[in-house]
Amino acid sequence: MGALRTPREKWVEAGLQALAQGGVDAVRVEALAKSLGVTKGGFYGYFADRGALLTAMLDVWERESVDDVLDRVDRECGDMLAKVRLAGHLTFSGGRLLPIDLAIRDWARRDPAVAERLRRVDNRRMQLARDAIGTVCTDPDEVEARSLLAFCMAIGSHFLAADHPGRTRDQVKSRASDFILKREGA
């Protein structure tokens, strides 16, 4: 009886975990095989090379962080503002997707193809913010500015080391979100 092969998805998941923990340079076939407790020979049954694995990892990240998130917010929320809040929470709250997203942002700084993929993902995310903010604001310039602020807050808050005297980071982010998503004139 032949040995069972390690499924393709396990290689991709191991690659995403290595990426999240150590950046793109940590995604090495030998290290992934060791983490999976297998030989690297099975890797080549699914992937021609490391580049093919990296592409598959980006495909999974894009599907999970945009398509799956948007599907979930459509199922769970009717209100556009609730959709954008849930999408932000699912993507940037510190769960599985956040460390992968941040690692891909770092990788994109050095790889034009990854930067283009990130641009596509961010454009889809920004459109959700525009659609939501457009329900409370009619000025297109203000919609764009608020959308940018919301998106920058979602990403940038993970890099900010400042204290918020007398407040928690979550309290300040909640207040900033209320500020960005408030109705015109309110």
C-alpha atoms as a PDB file:
ATOM      1  CA  MET A   1       0.000   0.000   0.000  1.00  0.00           C
ATOM      2  CA  GLY A   2       1.419   3.421  -0.964  1.00  0.00           C
ATOM      3  CA  ALA A   3       2.014   6.200   1.503  1.00  0.00           C
ATOM      4  CA  LEU A   4      -0.604   8.906   1.808  1.00  0.00           C
ATOM      5  CA  ARG A   5       0.435  12.198   0.277  1.00  0.00           C
ATOM      6  CA  THR A   6       0.336  15.414   2.239  1.00  0.00           C
ATOM      7  CA  PRO A   7      -2.571  17.363   0.719  1.00  0.00           C
ATOM      8  CA  ARG A   8      -1.787  20.467  -1.343  1.00  0.00           C
ATOM      9  CA  GLU A   9      -3.805  22.616   1.079  1.00  0.00           C
ATOM     10  CA  LYS A  10      -1.484  21.616   3.930  1.00  0.00           C
ATOM     11  CA  TRP A  11       1.541  22.865   1.994  1.00  0.00           C
ATOM     12  CA  VAL A  12      -0.220  26.150   1.262  1.00  0.00           C
ATOM     13  CA  GLU A  13      -1.341  26.547   4.881  1.00  0.00           C
ATOM     14  CA  ALA A  14       2.152  25.772   6.160  1.00  0.00           C
ATOM     15  CA  GLY A  15       3.484  28.364   3.730  1.00  0.00           C
ATOM     16  CA  LEU A  16       0.991  30.978   4.935  1.00  0.00           C
ATOM     17  CA  GLN A  17       1.922  30.278   8.553  1.00  0.00           C
ATOM     18  CA  ALA A  18       5.632  30.577   7.756  1.00  0.00           C
ATOM     19  CA  LEU A  19       4.940  33.826   5.905  1.00  0.00           C
ATOM     20  CA  ALA A  20       2.955  35.226   8.835  1.00  0.00           C
ATOM     21  CA  GLN A  21       5.673  34.286  11.321  1.00  0.00           C
ATOM     22  CA  GLY A  22       8.841  35.103   9.408  1.00  0.00           C
ATOM     23  CA  GLY A  23       8.063  36.848   6.134  1.00  0.00           C
ATOM     24  CA  VAL A  24       8.470  35.557   2.625  1.00  0.00           C
ATOM     25  CA  ASP A  25      12.089  34.462   3.218  1.00  0.00           C
ATOM     26  CA  ALA A  26      10.807  31.978   5.815  1.00  0.00           C
ATOM     27  CA  VAL A  27       8.774  30.170   3.145  1.00  0.00           C
ATOM     28  CA  ARG A  28      11.276  27.447   2.222  1.00  0.00           C
ATOM     29  CA  VAL A  29      10.353  24.011   0.932  1.00  0.00           C
ATOM     30  CA  GLU A  30      12.722  22.186   3.283  1.00  0.00           C
ATOM     31  CA  ALA A  31      11.436  24.063   6.348  1.00  0.00           C
ATOM     32  CA  LEU A  32       7.800  23.484   5.350  1.00  0.00           C
ATOM     33  CA  ALA A  33       8.428  19.758   4.857  1.00  0.00           C
ATOM     34  CA  LYS A  34      10.020  19.594   8.293  1.00  0.00           C
ATOM     35  CA  SER A  35       7.095  21.450   9.903  1.00  0.00           C
ATOM     36  CA  LEU A  36       4.688  19.021   8.222  1.00  0.00           C
ATOM     37  CA  GLY A  37       6.788  16.009   9.224  1.00  0.00           C
ATOM     38  CA  VAL A  38       7.236  14.845   5.628  1.00  0.00           C
ATOM     39  CA  THR A  39       9.917  14.789   2.972  1.00  0.00           C
ATOM     40  CA  LYS A  40      10.041  17.574   0.418  1.00  0.00           C
ATOM     41  CA  GLY A  41       9.475  15.146  -2.452  1.00  0.00           C
ATOM     42  CA  GLY A  42       5.705  15.351  -2.057  1.00  0.00           C
ATOM     43  CA  PHE A  43       5.865  19.105  -2.547  1.00  0.00           C
ATOM     44  CA  TYR A  44       6.842  18.664  -6.193  1.00  0.00           C
ATOM     45  CA  GLY A  45       3.755  16.578  -6.868  1.00  0.00           C
ATOM     46  CA  TYR A  46       1.742  19.776  -6.434  1.00  0.00           C
ATOM     47  CA  PHE A  47       4.097  22.630  -7.223  1.00  0.00           C
ATOM     48  CA  ALA A  48       6.707  23.083  -9.922  1.00  0.00           C
ATOM     49  CA  ASP A  49       8.780  25.237  -7.604  1.00  0.00           C
ATOM     50  CA  ARG A  50       8.676  27.653  -4.663  1.00  0.00           C
ATOM     51  CA  GLY A  51       7.246  30.377  -6.919  1.00  0.00           C
ATOM     52  CA  ALA A  52       4.216  28.220  -7.670  1.00  0.00           C
ATOM     53  CA  LEU A  53       3.646  27.743  -3.946  1.00  0.00           C
ATOM     54  CA  LEU A  54       3.929  31.495  -3.344  1.00  0.00           C
ATOM     55  CA  THR A  55       1.333  32.134  -6.050  1.00  0.00           C
ATOM     56  CA  ALA A  56      -0.997  29.554  -4.513  1.00  0.00           C
ATOM     57  CA  MET A  57      -0.529  31.212  -1.125  1.00  0.00           C
ATOM     58  CA  LEU A  58      -1.465  34.612  -2.580  1.00  0.00           C
ATOM     59  CA  ASP A  59      -4.533  33.039  -4.216  1.00  0.00           C
ATOM     60  CA  VAL A  60      -5.700  31.609  -0.886  1.00  0.00           C
ATOM     61  CA  TRP A  61      -5.006  34.888   0.948  1.00  0.00           C
ATOM     62  CA  GLU A  62      -6.962  36.887  -1.641  1.00  0.00           C
ATOM     63  CA  ARG A  63      -9.911  34.498  -1.564  1.00  0.00           C
ATOM     64  CA  GLU A  64     -10.048  34.339   2.225  1.00  0.00           C
ATOM     65  CA  SER A  65      -9.408  38.022   2.910  1.00  0.00           C
ATOM     66  CA  VAL A  66     -11.720  39.443   0.273  1.00  0.00           C
ATOM     67  CA  ASP A  67     -14.117  36.948  -1.301  1.00  0.00           C
ATOM     68  CA  ASP A  68     -14.846  34.976   1.871  1.00  0.00           C
ATOM     69  CA  VAL A  69     -15.041  38.128   4.014  1.00  0.00           C
ATOM     70  CA  LEU A  70     -17.416  39.847   1.566  1.00  0.00           C
ATOM     71  CA  ASP A  71     -19.572  36.717   1.324  1.00  0.00           C
ATOM     72  CA  ARG A  72     -19.824  36.564   5.110  1.00  0.00           C
ATOM     73  CA  VAL A  73     -20.685  40.247   5.565  1.00  0.00           C
ATOM     74  CA  ASP A  74     -23.350  39.955   2.866  1.00  0.00           C
ATOM     75  CA  ARG A  75     -24.899  36.984   4.701  1.00  0.00           C
ATOM     76  CA  GLU A  76     -24.710  38.485   8.194  1.00  0.00           C
ATOM     77  CA  CYS A  77     -25.321  42.213   7.722  1.00  0.00           C
ATOM     78  CA  GLY A  78     -27.975  44.214   5.921  1.00  0.00           C
ATOM     79  CA  ASP A  79     -26.721  47.664   6.825  1.00  0.00           C
ATOM     80  CA  MET A  80     -23.706  48.888   4.821  1.00  0.00           C
ATOM     81  CA  LEU A  81     -22.012  50.434   7.850  1.00  0.00           C
ATOM     82  CA  ALA A  82     -22.345  47.149   9.723  1.00  0.00           C
ATOM     83  CA  LYS A  83     -20.825  45.388   6.705  1.00  0.00           C
ATOM     84  CA  VAL A  84     -17.746  47.593   6.651  1.00  0.00           C
ATOM     85  CA  ARG A  85     -17.286  47.263  10.417  1.00  0.00           C
ATOM     86  CA  LEU A  86     -17.556  43.463  10.270  1.00  0.00           C
ATOM     87  CA  ALA A  87     -15.216  43.277   7.272  1.00  0.00           C
ATOM     88  CA  GLY A  88     -12.647  45.357   9.130  1.00  0.00           C
ATOM     89  CA  HIS A  89     -13.023  43.226  12.229  1.00  0.00           C
ATOM     90  CA  LEU A  90     -12.650  39.958  10.313  1.00  0.00           C
ATOM     91  CA  THR A  91      -9.611  41.175   8.416  1.00  0.00           C
ATOM     92  CA  PHE A  92      -7.682  43.389  10.829  1.00  0.00           C
ATOM     93  CA  SER A  93      -8.688  42.400  14.373  1.00  0.00           C
ATOM     94  CA  GLY A  94      -5.792  40.063  15.040  1.00  0.00           C
ATOM     95  CA  GLY A  95      -7.165  36.718  13.907  1.00  0.00           C
ATOM     96  CA  ARG A  96      -5.627  34.445  11.309  1.00  0.00           C
ATOM     97  CA  LEU A  97      -5.790  36.958   8.453  1.00  0.00           C
ATOM     98  CA  LEU A  98      -4.024  39.914  10.085  1.00  0.00           C
ATOM     99  CA  PRO A  99      -0.480  38.487  10.379  1.00  0.00           C
ATOM    100  CA  ILE A 100      -0.691  37.128   6.829  1.00  0.00           C
ATOM    101  CA  ASP A 101      -1.959  40.479   5.528  1.00  0.00           C
ATOM    102  CA  LEU A 102       0.816  42.406   7.283  1.00  0.00           C
ATOM    103  CA  ALA A 103       3.462  39.993   5.955  1.00  0.00           C
ATOM    104  CA  ILE A 104       2.112  40.376   2.423  1.00  0.00           C
ATOM    105  CA  ARG A 105       2.274  44.174   2.796  1.00  0.00           C
ATOM    106  CA  ASP A 106       5.933  43.870   3.747  1.00  0.00           C
ATOM    107  CA  TRP A 107       6.592  41.459   0.868  1.00  0.00           C
ATOM    108  CA  ALA A 108       4.836  43.818  -1.574  1.00  0.00           C
ATOM    109  CA  ARG A 109       7.394  46.513  -0.780  1.00  0.00           C
ATOM    110  CA  ARG A 110      10.024  44.393  -2.551  1.00  0.00           C
ATOM    111  CA  ASP A 111       8.046  42.511  -5.201  1.00  0.00           C
ATOM    112  CA  PRO A 112       6.109  44.383  -7.904  1.00  0.00           C
ATOM    113  CA  ALA A 113       3.859  41.406  -8.708  1.00  0.00           C
ATOM    114  CA  VAL A 114       2.853  41.068  -5.055  1.00  0.00           C
ATOM    115  CA  ALA A 115       2.364  44.844  -4.885  1.00  0.00           C
ATOM    116  CA  GLU A 116      -0.049  44.610  -7.807  1.00  0.00           C
ATOM    117  CA  ARG A 117      -1.955  41.785  -6.117  1.00  0.00           C
ATOM    118  CA  LEU A 118      -2.131  43.827  -2.910  1.00  0.00           C
ATOM    119  CA  ARG A 119      -3.397  46.834  -4.891  1.00  0.00           C
ATOM    120  CA  ARG A 120      -6.209  44.705  -6.323  1.00  0.00           C
ATOM    121  CA  VAL A 121      -7.184  43.445  -2.861  1.00  0.00           C
ATOM    122  CA  ASP A 122      -6.996  46.895  -1.293  1.00  0.00           C
ATOM    123  CA  ASN A 123      -9.077  48.385  -4.114  1.00  0.00           C
ATOM    124  CA  ARG A 124     -11.839  45.886  -3.412  1.00  0.00           C
ATOM    125  CA  ARG A 125     -11.661  46.616   0.308  1.00  0.00           C
ATOM    126  CA  MET A 126     -11.680  50.379  -0.309  1.00  0.00           C
ATOM    127  CA  GLN A 127     -14.755  50.012  -2.498  1.00  0.00           C
ATOM    128  CA  LEU A 128     -16.633  48.428   0.392  1.00  0.00           C
ATOM    129  CA  ALA A 129     -15.637  51.409   2.563  1.00  0.00           C
ATOM    130  CA  ARG A 130     -16.752  53.850  -0.157  1.00  0.00           C
ATOM    131  CA  ASP A 131     -20.083  52.065  -0.536  1.00  0.00           C
ATOM    132  CA  ALA A 132     -20.684  52.116   3.212  1.00  0.00           C
ATOM    133  CA  ILE A 133     -19.624  55.697   3.810  1.00  0.00           C
ATOM    134  CA  GLY A 134     -21.609  56.756   0.754  1.00  0.00           C
ATOM    135  CA  THR A 135     -24.760  55.802   2.660  1.00  0.00           C
ATOM    136  CA  VAL A 136     -24.110  58.532   5.242  1.00  0.00           C
ATOM    137  CA  CYS A 137     -22.235  61.078   3.150  1.00  0.00           C
ATOM    138  CA  THR A 138     -23.040  62.486  -0.286  1.00  0.00           C
ATOM    139  CA  ASP A 139     -19.880  64.498  -1.061  1.00  0.00           C
ATOM    140  CA  PRO A 140     -17.657  62.232  -3.204  1.00  0.00           C
ATOM    141  CA  ASP A 141     -14.476  63.931  -1.978  1.00  0.00           C
ATOM    142  CA  GLU A 142     -15.493  63.400   1.633  1.00  0.00           C
ATOM    143  CA  VAL A 143     -16.475  59.786   0.938  1.00  0.00           C
ATOM    144  CA  GLU A 144     -13.010  59.173  -0.498  1.00  0.00           C
ATOM    145  CA  ALA A 145     -11.271  60.949   2.390  1.00  0.00           C
ATOM    146  CA  ARG A 146     -13.261  59.088   5.034  1.00  0.00           C
ATOM    147  CA  SER A 147     -12.665  55.779   3.248  1.00  0.00           C
ATOM    148  CA  LEU A 148      -8.935  56.444   3.210  1.00  0.00           C
ATOM    149  CA  LEU A 149      -8.954  57.356   6.900  1.00  0.00           C
ATOM    150  CA  ALA A 150     -10.906  54.221   7.787  1.00  0.00           C
ATOM    151  CA  PHE A 151      -8.552  51.993   5.826  1.00  0.00           C
ATOM    152  CA  CYS A 152      -5.419  53.704   7.158  1.00  0.00           C
ATOM    153  CA  MET A 153      -6.727  53.327  10.698  1.00  0.00           C
ATOM    154  CA  ALA A 154      -7.424  49.622  10.166  1.00  0.00           C
ATOM    155  CA  ILE A 155      -3.893  48.950   8.919  1.00  0.00           C
ATOM    156  CA  GLY A 156      -1.865  51.668  10.591  1.00  0.00           C
ATOM    157  CA  SER A 157      -3.105  51.051  14.110  1.00  0.00           C
ATOM    158  CA  HIS A 158      -1.058  47.834  14.075  1.00  0.00           C
ATOM    159  CA  PHE A 159       2.132  49.844  13.596  1.00  0.00           C
ATOM    160  CA  LEU A 160       1.428  52.692  15.998  1.00  0.00           C
ATOM    161  CA  ALA A 161       3.209  52.434  19.339  1.00  0.00           C
ATOM    162  CA  ALA A 162       1.681  55.545  20.945  1.00  0.00           C
ATOM    163  CA  ASP A 163      -0.189  55.474  24.230  1.00  0.00           C
ATOM    164  CA  HIS A 164      -3.676  56.902  24.680  1.00  0.00           C
ATOM    165  CA  PRO A 165      -3.650  58.379  28.218  1.00  0.00           C
ATOM    166  CA  GLY A 166      -6.780  57.380  30.116  1.00  0.00           C
ATOM    167  CA  ARG A 167      -8.088  55.292  27.205  1.00  0.00           C
ATOM    168  CA  THR A 168      -7.467  51.924  25.669  1.00  0.00           C
ATOM    169  CA  ARG A 169      -6.475  51.547  22.035  1.00  0.00           C
ATOM    170  CA  ASP A 170      -9.824  49.864  21.364  1.00  0.00           C
ATOM    171  CA  GLN A 171     -11.707  52.806  22.883  1.00  0.00           C
ATOM    172  CA  VAL A 172      -9.836  55.286  20.705  1.00  0.00           C
ATOM    173  CA  LYS A 173     -10.303  53.161  17.578  1.00  0.00           C
ATOM    174  CA  SER A 174     -14.020  52.836  18.296  1.00  0.00           C
ATOM    175  CA  ARG A 175     -14.364  56.605  18.703  1.00  0.00           C
ATOM    176  CA  ALA A 176     -12.349  57.228  15.522  1.00  0.00           C
ATOM    177  CA  SER A 177     -14.556  54.755  13.661  1.00  0.00           C
ATOM    178  CA  ASP A 178     -17.694  56.522  14.900  1.00  0.00           C
ATOM    179  CA  PHE A 179     -16.194  59.805  13.758  1.00  0.00           C
ATOM    180  CA  ILE A 180     -15.344  58.489  10.274  1.00  0.00           C
ATOM    181  CA  LEU A 181     -18.680  56.699   9.779  1.00  0.00           C
ATOM    182  CA  LYS A 182     -20.987  59.405  11.164  1.00  0.00           C
ATOM    183  CA  ARG A 183     -23.734  60.936   9.070  1.00  0.00           C
ATOM    184  CA  GLU A 184     -23.091  64.260   7.372  1.00  0.00           C
ATOM    185  CA  GLY A 185     -23.957  67.143   9.662  1.00  0.00           C
ATOM    186  CA  ALA A 186     -24.358  64.852  12.682  1.00  0.00           C
END
